[in-house]
Amino acid sequence: MQRLYLQKRSLILVCFVCAALLAPGTAPAQDRLAPVGFQYTPTISFGMIGLGNNATARLNVVNLVRIAPPIASAIAQTPCKVELDLYDSQGKLIKQKTIANLGYGQADFVDALRSDLATTAAHVNVTGVVKVSSSQSYFCSVSATLEVFDSVTGTTSAILTGASTGSPLIFSTLPLSMQPAQP
């Protein structure tokens, strides 16, 4: 009996909220319900991996959505904006690439040659970060790897998968291009 009472009370509350939103003389519903500037931006981070002489670090990303979902015709598509960042062990940005829209099933990458690093050490560490800027996962679901290969032969010597996504939500009122770099 108590549960039925709570359900009815909840339904009445929902009806009052809907009535208030649709009341004549107020702003249109889409104006009142507009997003407040927060955006779901998953970030995929890798651990450090070493680069020796003649090595290249490659941060790869692929959009796992292979074809447009059936619901795509009912809603406006949000571009699958992806930023690829490579950092040294001091957190300094080495290379960055922004993909405006990583299409269905498409892949892209950014490379950092060992010679791009301003150090004379024989072995240096790098890490990769992938920032995804899309509020609709049915258009944009990415997977990333961090690979090290020999620049001369092209032979892969190591690959990192299963990256950490850290916090599932990162809220920002800044556009992706204006956010501070995070290693």
N, C-alpha and C. Protein backbone atom coordinates (compact mmCIF):
# COMPACT_ATOMS: atom_id res chain seq x y z
N MET A 1 0.82 -1.19 0.00
CA MET A 1 0.00 0.00 0.00
C MET A 1 0.87 1.27 0.00
N GLN A 2 1.93 1.23 0.85
CA GLN A 2 2.85 2.36 0.92
C GLN A 2 3.54 2.59 -0.43
N ARG A 3 3.91 1.48 -1.11
CA ARG A 3 4.59 1.57 -2.40
C ARG A 3 3.67 2.20 -3.45
N LEU A 4 2.40 1.81 -3.48
CA LEU A 4 1.44 2.38 -4.42
C LEU A 4 1.29 3.88 -4.17
N TYR A 5 1.24 4.28 -2.91
CA TYR A 5 1.13 5.69 -2.56
C TYR A 5 2.34 6.47 -3.10
N LEU A 6 3.55 5.92 -2.92
CA LEU A 6 4.77 6.59 -3.39
C LEU A 6 4.80 6.68 -4.91
N GLN A 7 4.32 5.64 -5.60
CA GLN A 7 4.28 5.68 -7.05
C GLN A 7 3.33 6.76 -7.54
N LYS A 8 2.15 6.85 -6.93
CA LYS A 8 1.19 7.88 -7.32
C LYS A 8 1.74 9.27 -7.05
N ARG A 9 2.40 9.43 -5.91
CA ARG A 9 2.97 10.72 -5.54
C ARG A 9 4.07 11.12 -6.53
N SER A 10 4.89 10.16 -6.95
CA SER A 10 5.94 10.43 -7.92
C SER A 10 5.34 10.83 -9.26
N LEU A 11 4.28 10.14 -9.67
CA LEU A 11 3.62 10.45 -10.92
C LEU A 11 3.02 11.85 -10.89
N ILE A 12 2.44 12.23 -9.78
CA ILE A 12 1.87 13.57 -9.65
C ILE A 12 2.97 14.62 -9.74
N LEU A 13 4.11 14.36 -9.09
CA LEU A 13 5.23 15.28 -9.15
C LEU A 13 5.73 15.44 -10.57
N VAL A 14 5.85 14.34 -11.30
CA VAL A 14 6.28 14.40 -12.69
C VAL A 14 5.29 15.22 -13.51
N CYS A 15 4.01 15.04 -13.29
CA CYS A 15 2.98 15.79 -14.02
C CYS A 15 3.10 17.29 -13.74
N PHE A 16 3.36 17.67 -12.47
CA PHE A 16 3.54 19.08 -12.15
C PHE A 16 4.76 19.67 -12.86
N VAL A 17 5.84 18.92 -12.90
CA VAL A 17 7.05 19.39 -13.58
C VAL A 17 6.77 19.57 -15.06
N CYS A 18 6.12 18.59 -15.68
CA CYS A 18 5.80 18.69 -17.11
C CYS A 18 4.88 19.87 -17.38
N ALA A 19 3.89 20.08 -16.52
CA ALA A 19 2.96 21.19 -16.71
C ALA A 19 3.69 22.52 -16.59
N ALA A 20 4.62 22.60 -15.65
CA ALA A 20 5.37 23.85 -15.48
C ALA A 20 6.24 24.13 -16.70
N LEU A 21 6.81 23.09 -17.27
CA LEU A 21 7.66 23.27 -18.44
C LEU A 21 6.86 23.65 -19.68
N LEU A 22 5.64 23.20 -19.77
CA LEU A 22 4.82 23.45 -20.95
C LEU A 22 3.82 24.59 -20.75
N ALA A 23 3.90 25.28 -19.63
CA ALA A 23 2.95 26.35 -19.33
C ALA A 23 3.03 27.45 -20.38
N PRO A 24 1.86 27.98 -20.80
CA PRO A 24 1.88 29.06 -21.80
C PRO A 24 2.55 30.31 -21.22
N GLY A 25 3.18 31.05 -22.12
CA GLY A 25 3.82 32.29 -21.69
C GLY A 25 5.24 32.10 -21.18
N THR A 26 5.73 30.88 -21.23
CA THR A 26 7.11 30.64 -20.81
C THR A 26 7.96 30.36 -22.04
N ALA A 27 9.24 30.28 -21.83
CA ALA A 27 10.16 30.00 -22.95
C ALA A 27 9.89 28.60 -23.50
N PRO A 28 10.19 28.37 -24.77
CA PRO A 28 10.01 27.03 -25.35
C PRO A 28 10.80 25.98 -24.56
N ALA A 29 10.30 24.77 -24.58
CA ALA A 29 10.90 23.68 -23.80
C ALA A 29 12.37 23.48 -24.15
N GLN A 30 12.72 23.56 -25.43
CA GLN A 30 14.11 23.33 -25.81
C GLN A 30 15.04 24.40 -25.25
N ASP A 31 14.52 25.64 -25.04
CA ASP A 31 15.35 26.69 -24.43
C ASP A 31 15.58 26.41 -22.95
N ARG A 32 14.55 25.92 -22.27
CA ARG A 32 14.68 25.65 -20.84
C ARG A 32 15.51 24.40 -20.58
N LEU A 33 15.47 23.45 -21.50
CA LEU A 33 16.14 22.17 -21.29
C LEU A 33 17.48 22.08 -22.01
N ALA A 34 18.00 23.21 -22.47
CA ALA A 34 19.27 23.20 -23.20
C ALA A 34 20.40 22.74 -22.28
N PRO A 35 21.40 22.05 -22.82
CA PRO A 35 22.53 21.61 -22.01
C PRO A 35 23.25 22.80 -21.39
N VAL A 36 23.85 22.58 -20.24
CA VAL A 36 24.50 23.65 -19.51
C VAL A 36 25.99 23.74 -19.81
N GLY A 37 26.46 23.12 -20.86
CA GLY A 37 27.85 23.25 -21.25
C GLY A 37 28.73 22.10 -20.78
N PHE A 38 28.15 21.11 -20.14
CA PHE A 38 28.92 19.96 -19.73
C PHE A 38 28.86 18.92 -20.83
N GLN A 39 29.96 18.24 -21.02
CA GLN A 39 30.02 17.26 -22.11
C GLN A 39 30.75 16.02 -21.63
N TYR A 40 30.24 14.87 -22.02
CA TYR A 40 30.87 13.61 -21.71
C TYR A 40 32.09 13.46 -22.61
N THR A 41 33.26 13.47 -22.02
CA THR A 41 34.49 13.37 -22.81
C THR A 41 35.36 12.28 -22.24
N PRO A 42 35.17 11.04 -22.68
CA PRO A 42 36.02 9.97 -22.18
C PRO A 42 37.48 10.21 -22.56
N THR A 43 38.37 9.88 -21.64
CA THR A 43 39.80 10.00 -21.88
C THR A 43 40.43 8.63 -21.66
N ILE A 44 41.19 8.19 -22.64
CA ILE A 44 41.87 6.89 -22.57
C ILE A 44 43.35 7.18 -22.37
N SER A 45 43.92 6.65 -21.29
CA SER A 45 45.33 6.90 -20.98
C SER A 45 46.11 5.60 -20.92
N PHE A 46 47.34 5.66 -21.37
CA PHE A 46 48.24 4.51 -21.34
C PHE A 46 49.34 4.74 -20.34
N GLY A 47 49.95 3.64 -19.89
CA GLY A 47 51.14 3.73 -19.07
C GLY A 47 52.32 4.11 -19.94
N MET A 48 53.49 4.24 -19.30
CA MET A 48 54.70 4.62 -20.03
C MET A 48 55.23 3.41 -20.82
N ILE A 49 55.84 3.71 -21.96
CA ILE A 49 56.49 2.68 -22.76
C ILE A 49 57.81 3.28 -23.28
N GLY A 50 58.83 2.44 -23.36
CA GLY A 50 60.15 2.93 -23.72
C GLY A 50 60.41 2.98 -25.21
N LEU A 51 61.18 3.99 -25.61
CA LEU A 51 61.62 4.14 -26.99
C LEU A 51 63.15 4.09 -27.01
N GLY A 52 63.70 3.18 -27.79
CA GLY A 52 65.15 3.14 -27.99
C GLY A 52 65.50 3.87 -29.27
N ASN A 53 66.77 3.82 -29.65
CA ASN A 53 67.22 4.44 -30.90
C ASN A 53 66.50 3.81 -32.08
N ASN A 54 66.19 4.60 -33.09
CA ASN A 54 65.48 4.17 -34.30
C ASN A 54 64.07 3.65 -34.03
N ALA A 55 63.45 4.09 -32.94
CA ALA A 55 62.09 3.63 -32.62
C ALA A 55 61.09 4.75 -32.86
N THR A 56 59.86 4.35 -33.09
CA THR A 56 58.74 5.27 -33.27
C THR A 56 57.62 4.83 -32.35
N ALA A 57 56.99 5.79 -31.67
CA ALA A 57 55.79 5.51 -30.88
C ALA A 57 54.59 5.93 -31.72
N ARG A 58 53.60 5.05 -31.81
CA ARG A 58 52.40 5.35 -32.58
C ARG A 58 51.18 5.16 -31.69
N LEU A 59 50.37 6.20 -31.59
CA LEU A 59 49.10 6.14 -30.87
C LEU A 59 48.01 5.94 -31.91
N ASN A 60 47.35 4.78 -31.85
CA ASN A 60 46.32 4.40 -32.83
C ASN A 60 44.93 4.53 -32.21
N VAL A 61 43.94 4.86 -33.02
CA VAL A 61 42.56 4.90 -32.56
C VAL A 61 41.67 4.44 -33.70
N VAL A 62 40.58 3.74 -33.34
CA VAL A 62 39.60 3.29 -34.32
C VAL A 62 38.21 3.53 -33.75
N ASN A 63 37.29 3.96 -34.61
CA ASN A 63 35.89 4.09 -34.23
C ASN A 63 35.24 2.72 -34.41
N LEU A 64 34.82 2.11 -33.32
CA LEU A 64 34.26 0.76 -33.35
C LEU A 64 32.86 0.70 -33.95
N VAL A 65 32.22 1.84 -34.11
CA VAL A 65 30.91 1.88 -34.77
C VAL A 65 31.18 1.74 -36.27
N ARG A 66 30.79 0.60 -36.83
CA ARG A 66 31.14 0.29 -38.23
C ARG A 66 30.16 0.87 -39.25
N ILE A 67 28.90 0.94 -38.87
CA ILE A 67 27.87 1.49 -39.78
C ILE A 67 26.96 2.41 -38.99
N ALA A 68 26.30 3.30 -39.68
CA ALA A 68 25.38 4.22 -39.01
C ALA A 68 24.27 3.44 -38.32
N PRO A 69 24.02 3.70 -37.03
CA PRO A 69 22.95 2.99 -36.33
C PRO A 69 21.58 3.38 -36.87
N PRO A 70 20.58 2.49 -36.71
CA PRO A 70 19.23 2.78 -37.24
C PRO A 70 18.63 4.05 -36.65
N ILE A 71 19.01 4.40 -35.42
CA ILE A 71 18.44 5.60 -34.82
C ILE A 71 19.03 6.88 -35.38
N ALA A 72 20.06 6.75 -36.22
CA ALA A 72 20.75 7.93 -36.75
C ALA A 72 19.80 8.86 -37.52
N SER A 73 18.80 8.31 -38.16
CA SER A 73 17.89 9.16 -38.93
C SER A 73 16.97 9.97 -38.02
N ALA A 74 16.80 9.53 -36.76
CA ALA A 74 15.89 10.22 -35.86
C ALA A 74 16.55 11.37 -35.10
N ILE A 75 17.86 11.38 -35.02
CA ILE A 75 18.56 12.43 -34.28
C ILE A 75 19.72 12.96 -35.10
N ALA A 76 20.14 14.16 -34.78
CA ALA A 76 21.27 14.76 -35.48
C ALA A 76 22.57 14.10 -35.03
N GLN A 77 23.42 13.77 -35.97
CA GLN A 77 24.69 13.13 -35.65
C GLN A 77 25.66 14.14 -35.06
N THR A 78 26.30 13.75 -33.98
CA THR A 78 27.36 14.54 -33.38
C THR A 78 28.68 14.02 -33.92
N PRO A 79 29.56 14.87 -34.40
CA PRO A 79 30.84 14.39 -34.91
C PRO A 79 31.62 13.63 -33.84
N CYS A 80 32.39 12.67 -34.28
CA CYS A 80 33.24 11.88 -33.39
C CYS A 80 34.62 12.55 -33.36
N LYS A 81 34.74 13.63 -32.58
CA LYS A 81 35.99 14.38 -32.49
C LYS A 81 36.93 13.65 -31.54
N VAL A 82 38.16 13.42 -32.00
CA VAL A 82 39.15 12.68 -31.22
C VAL A 82 40.46 13.44 -31.24
N GLU A 83 41.09 13.54 -30.07
CA GLU A 83 42.40 14.18 -29.96
C GLU A 83 43.41 13.14 -29.50
N LEU A 84 44.51 13.01 -30.22
CA LEU A 84 45.57 12.06 -29.89
C LEU A 84 46.77 12.85 -29.38
N ASP A 85 47.26 12.52 -28.18
CA ASP A 85 48.38 13.22 -27.57
C ASP A 85 49.46 12.23 -27.15
N LEU A 86 50.70 12.56 -27.45
CA LEU A 86 51.86 11.79 -26.98
C LEU A 86 52.69 12.70 -26.07
N TYR A 87 53.06 12.19 -24.89
CA TYR A 87 53.80 12.95 -23.89
C TYR A 87 55.09 12.23 -23.52
N ASP A 88 56.09 13.00 -23.07
CA ASP A 88 57.30 12.38 -22.54
C ASP A 88 57.11 12.10 -21.05
N SER A 89 58.13 11.56 -20.40
CA SER A 89 58.00 11.17 -19.00
C SER A 89 57.90 12.35 -18.04
N GLN A 90 58.14 13.56 -18.52
CA GLN A 90 58.00 14.76 -17.71
C GLN A 90 56.62 15.42 -17.91
N GLY A 91 55.78 14.79 -18.71
CA GLY A 91 54.45 15.34 -18.97
C GLY A 91 54.42 16.40 -20.07
N LYS A 92 55.52 16.55 -20.80
CA LYS A 92 55.58 17.53 -21.88
C LYS A 92 54.98 16.94 -23.15
N LEU A 93 54.10 17.70 -23.78
CA LEU A 93 53.47 17.26 -25.02
C LEU A 93 54.51 17.15 -26.13
N ILE A 94 54.59 15.98 -26.75
CA ILE A 94 55.52 15.74 -27.85
C ILE A 94 54.83 15.97 -29.18
N LYS A 95 53.70 15.30 -29.37
CA LYS A 95 52.93 15.38 -30.62
C LYS A 95 51.44 15.39 -30.29
N GLN A 96 50.68 16.05 -31.14
CA GLN A 96 49.24 16.10 -30.96
C GLN A 96 48.57 16.11 -32.33
N LYS A 97 47.45 15.41 -32.41
CA LYS A 97 46.67 15.40 -33.65
C LYS A 97 45.20 15.41 -33.27
N THR A 98 44.43 16.28 -33.92
CA THR A 98 42.99 16.34 -33.68
C THR A 98 42.27 15.89 -34.94
N ILE A 99 41.37 14.94 -34.77
CA ILE A 99 40.56 14.44 -35.87
C ILE A 99 39.16 15.02 -35.68
N ALA A 100 38.71 15.83 -36.61
CA ALA A 100 37.43 16.53 -36.49
C ALA A 100 36.25 15.56 -36.44
N ASN A 101 36.31 14.48 -37.22
CA ASN A 101 35.24 13.49 -37.21
C ASN A 101 35.80 12.14 -37.65
N LEU A 102 36.02 11.27 -36.69
CA LEU A 102 36.49 9.91 -36.99
C LEU A 102 35.27 9.11 -37.42
N GLY A 103 35.14 8.89 -38.72
CA GLY A 103 33.96 8.25 -39.30
C GLY A 103 33.76 6.81 -38.88
N TYR A 104 32.62 6.25 -39.25
CA TYR A 104 32.27 4.88 -38.92
C TYR A 104 33.34 3.91 -39.41
N GLY A 105 33.90 3.13 -38.50
CA GLY A 105 34.90 2.13 -38.85
C GLY A 105 36.26 2.68 -39.24
N GLN A 106 36.44 3.98 -39.19
CA GLN A 106 37.71 4.57 -39.60
C GLN A 106 38.72 4.55 -38.46
N ALA A 107 40.00 4.59 -38.84
CA ALA A 107 41.10 4.61 -37.88
C ALA A 107 42.04 5.75 -38.24
N ASP A 108 42.82 6.17 -37.25
CA ASP A 108 43.82 7.21 -37.48
C ASP A 108 44.93 7.03 -36.45
N PHE A 109 46.00 7.81 -36.56
CA PHE A 109 47.13 7.67 -35.65
C PHE A 109 47.96 8.93 -35.62
N VAL A 110 48.85 9.01 -34.63
CA VAL A 110 49.87 10.04 -34.57
C VAL A 110 51.17 9.34 -34.19
N ASP A 111 52.27 9.74 -34.84
CA ASP A 111 53.58 9.15 -34.59
C ASP A 111 54.51 10.15 -33.91
N ALA A 112 55.39 9.62 -33.07
CA ALA A 112 56.49 10.40 -32.51
C ALA A 112 57.76 9.59 -32.73
N LEU A 113 58.66 10.15 -33.53
CA LEU A 113 59.94 9.50 -33.77
C LEU A 113 60.85 9.73 -32.56
N ARG A 114 61.76 8.82 -32.33
CA ARG A 114 62.72 8.97 -31.24
C ARG A 114 63.47 10.29 -31.40
N SER A 115 63.75 10.67 -32.63
CA SER A 115 64.47 11.93 -32.90
C SER A 115 63.64 13.18 -32.57
N ASP A 116 62.31 13.04 -32.39
CA ASP A 116 61.45 14.17 -32.02
C ASP A 116 61.67 14.59 -30.57
N LEU A 117 62.26 13.71 -29.78
CA LEU A 117 62.45 13.99 -28.36
C LEU A 117 63.77 14.70 -28.13
N ALA A 118 63.72 15.78 -27.40
CA ALA A 118 64.91 16.60 -27.18
C ALA A 118 65.73 16.05 -26.01
N THR A 119 66.32 14.87 -26.21
CA THR A 119 67.19 14.27 -25.21
C THR A 119 68.21 13.38 -25.91
N THR A 120 69.33 13.20 -25.27
CA THR A 120 70.36 12.35 -25.85
C THR A 120 70.40 10.97 -25.21
N ALA A 121 69.49 10.72 -24.26
CA ALA A 121 69.46 9.41 -23.60
C ALA A 121 69.15 8.32 -24.62
N ALA A 122 69.74 7.15 -24.40
CA ALA A 122 69.53 6.03 -25.33
C ALA A 122 68.11 5.47 -25.23
N HIS A 123 67.50 5.62 -24.07
CA HIS A 123 66.16 5.06 -23.84
C HIS A 123 65.30 6.14 -23.17
N VAL A 124 64.15 6.45 -23.76
CA VAL A 124 63.23 7.43 -23.18
C VAL A 124 61.84 6.83 -23.11
N ASN A 125 61.04 7.35 -22.19
CA ASN A 125 59.67 6.85 -22.02
C ASN A 125 58.67 7.84 -22.58
N VAL A 126 57.59 7.29 -23.14
CA VAL A 126 56.48 8.10 -23.65
C VAL A 126 55.17 7.48 -23.18
N THR A 127 54.14 8.27 -23.24
CA THR A 127 52.79 7.79 -22.93
C THR A 127 51.82 8.43 -23.91
N GLY A 128 50.65 7.84 -24.03
CA GLY A 128 49.64 8.36 -24.95
C GLY A 128 48.32 8.61 -24.24
N VAL A 129 47.61 9.62 -24.71
CA VAL A 129 46.29 9.97 -24.19
C VAL A 129 45.37 10.23 -25.38
N VAL A 130 44.17 9.64 -25.33
CA VAL A 130 43.16 9.85 -26.35
C VAL A 130 41.96 10.52 -25.68
N LYS A 131 41.57 11.68 -26.20
CA LYS A 131 40.41 12.41 -25.67
C LYS A 131 39.31 12.36 -26.72
N VAL A 132 38.15 11.89 -26.31
CA VAL A 132 37.01 11.75 -27.21
C VAL A 132 36.00 12.82 -26.85
N SER A 133 35.53 13.54 -27.85
CA SER A 133 34.55 14.60 -27.62
C SER A 133 33.30 14.31 -28.42
N SER A 134 32.42 13.52 -27.84
CA SER A 134 31.14 13.22 -28.46
C SER A 134 30.16 12.86 -27.37
N SER A 135 28.97 13.35 -27.46
CA SER A 135 27.97 13.04 -26.44
C SER A 135 27.10 11.86 -26.85
N GLN A 136 27.38 11.26 -27.99
CA GLN A 136 26.54 10.17 -28.48
C GLN A 136 27.41 8.95 -28.81
N SER A 137 27.45 7.98 -27.89
CA SER A 137 28.30 6.81 -28.07
C SER A 137 27.84 5.91 -29.22
N TYR A 138 26.61 6.05 -29.69
CA TYR A 138 26.18 5.23 -30.82
C TYR A 138 26.73 5.74 -32.14
N PHE A 139 27.39 6.89 -32.14
CA PHE A 139 28.11 7.37 -33.31
C PHE A 139 29.62 7.25 -33.12
N CYS A 140 30.07 7.21 -31.86
CA CYS A 140 31.48 7.35 -31.56
C CYS A 140 31.86 6.47 -30.36
N SER A 141 32.40 5.32 -30.65
CA SER A 141 32.90 4.42 -29.60
C SER A 141 34.30 3.99 -30.04
N VAL A 142 35.33 4.48 -29.35
CA VAL A 142 36.69 4.28 -29.84
C VAL A 142 37.47 3.27 -29.00
N SER A 143 38.45 2.67 -29.66
CA SER A 143 39.41 1.79 -29.03
C SER A 143 40.78 2.31 -29.45
N ALA A 144 41.75 2.23 -28.53
CA ALA A 144 43.07 2.78 -28.82
C ALA A 144 44.17 1.80 -28.42
N THR A 145 45.31 1.93 -29.09
CA THR A 145 46.52 1.18 -28.74
C THR A 145 47.71 2.12 -28.83
N LEU A 146 48.74 1.80 -28.06
CA LEU A 146 50.00 2.53 -28.13
C LEU A 146 51.06 1.52 -28.56
N GLU A 147 51.69 1.78 -29.68
CA GLU A 147 52.60 0.84 -30.31
C GLU A 147 54.00 1.44 -30.42
N VAL A 148 55.01 0.60 -30.28
CA VAL A 148 56.39 0.99 -30.55
C VAL A 148 56.91 0.08 -31.65
N PHE A 149 57.49 0.70 -32.69
CA PHE A 149 58.04 -0.10 -33.78
C PHE A 149 59.37 0.47 -34.24
N ASP A 150 60.13 -0.35 -34.91
CA ASP A 150 61.43 0.03 -35.44
C ASP A 150 61.20 0.92 -36.66
N SER A 151 61.78 2.12 -36.65
CA SER A 151 61.57 3.09 -37.73
C SER A 151 62.17 2.63 -39.05
N VAL A 152 63.17 1.76 -39.01
CA VAL A 152 63.83 1.30 -40.23
C VAL A 152 63.11 0.11 -40.84
N THR A 153 62.84 -0.92 -40.04
CA THR A 153 62.23 -2.15 -40.56
C THR A 153 60.71 -2.14 -40.51
N GLY A 154 60.13 -1.30 -39.65
CA GLY A 154 58.68 -1.29 -39.48
C GLY A 154 58.17 -2.38 -38.55
N THR A 155 59.07 -3.14 -37.96
CA THR A 155 58.69 -4.25 -37.09
C THR A 155 58.21 -3.73 -35.73
N THR A 156 57.02 -4.17 -35.32
CA THR A 156 56.48 -3.78 -34.02
C THR A 156 57.23 -4.52 -32.93
N SER A 157 57.70 -3.76 -31.93
CA SER A 157 58.41 -4.38 -30.82
C SER A 157 57.55 -4.46 -29.56
N ALA A 158 56.53 -3.61 -29.44
CA ALA A 158 55.64 -3.64 -28.27
C ALA A 158 54.34 -2.94 -28.62
N ILE A 159 53.30 -3.38 -27.95
CA ILE A 159 52.00 -2.74 -28.12
C ILE A 159 51.26 -2.77 -26.79
N LEU A 160 50.68 -1.63 -26.42
CA LEU A 160 49.89 -1.54 -25.20
C LEU A 160 48.42 -1.47 -25.58
N THR A 161 47.61 -2.30 -24.92
CA THR A 161 46.16 -2.27 -25.09
C THR A 161 45.55 -2.21 -23.70
N GLY A 162 44.25 -2.20 -23.63
CA GLY A 162 43.58 -2.20 -22.33
C GLY A 162 43.93 -0.97 -21.50
N ALA A 163 43.89 0.17 -22.13
CA ALA A 163 44.23 1.42 -21.46
C ALA A 163 43.24 1.76 -20.37
N SER A 164 43.67 2.61 -19.48
CA SER A 164 42.83 3.09 -18.38
C SER A 164 41.98 4.25 -18.86
N THR A 165 40.71 4.23 -18.50
CA THR A 165 39.85 5.35 -18.85
C THR A 165 39.70 6.31 -17.69
N GLY A 166 40.29 5.98 -16.56
CA GLY A 166 40.22 6.89 -15.41
C GLY A 166 38.78 7.11 -15.00
N SER A 167 38.44 8.32 -14.67
CA SER A 167 37.09 8.67 -14.28
C SER A 167 36.18 8.56 -15.49
N PRO A 168 34.98 7.95 -15.33
CA PRO A 168 34.10 7.81 -16.49
C PRO A 168 33.55 9.13 -16.99
N LEU A 169 33.49 10.15 -16.14
CA LEU A 169 32.98 11.44 -16.58
C LEU A 169 34.01 12.52 -16.29
N ILE A 170 34.30 13.32 -17.28
CA ILE A 170 35.15 14.48 -17.09
C ILE A 170 34.31 15.66 -17.54
N PHE A 171 33.96 16.53 -16.60
CA PHE A 171 33.12 17.66 -16.94
C PHE A 171 33.99 18.86 -17.25
N SER A 172 33.64 19.55 -18.29
CA SER A 172 34.39 20.74 -18.66
C SER A 172 33.44 21.72 -19.31
N THR A 173 33.62 22.97 -18.99
CA THR A 173 32.84 24.00 -19.66
C THR A 173 33.60 24.56 -20.84
N LEU A 174 34.84 24.08 -21.05
CA LEU A 174 35.65 24.53 -22.18
C LEU A 174 35.54 23.57 -23.35
N PRO A 175 35.62 24.07 -24.57
CA PRO A 175 35.69 23.15 -25.73
C PRO A 175 36.95 22.31 -25.63
N LEU A 176 36.93 21.16 -26.26
CA LEU A 176 38.06 20.23 -26.20
C LEU A 176 39.36 20.90 -26.60
N SER A 177 39.34 21.75 -27.60
CA SER A 177 40.56 22.39 -28.08
C SER A 177 41.11 23.41 -27.08
N MET A 178 40.29 23.86 -26.13
CA MET A 178 40.75 24.85 -25.16
C MET A 178 41.08 24.25 -23.80
N GLN A 179 40.87 22.94 -23.61
CA GLN A 179 41.14 22.32 -22.35
C GLN A 179 42.65 22.21 -22.14
N PRO A 180 43.10 22.34 -20.88
CA PRO A 180 44.53 22.20 -20.63
C PRO A 180 44.97 20.77 -20.91
N ALA A 181 46.19 20.61 -21.38
CA ALA A 181 46.74 19.28 -21.67
C ALA A 181 46.89 18.50 -20.40
N GLN A 182 46.52 17.22 -20.45
CA GLN A 182 46.65 16.34 -19.30
C GLN A 182 47.45 15.12 -19.70
N PRO A 183 48.55 14.83 -18.99
CA PRO A 183 49.32 13.65 -19.35
C PRO A 183 48.61 12.38 -18.97
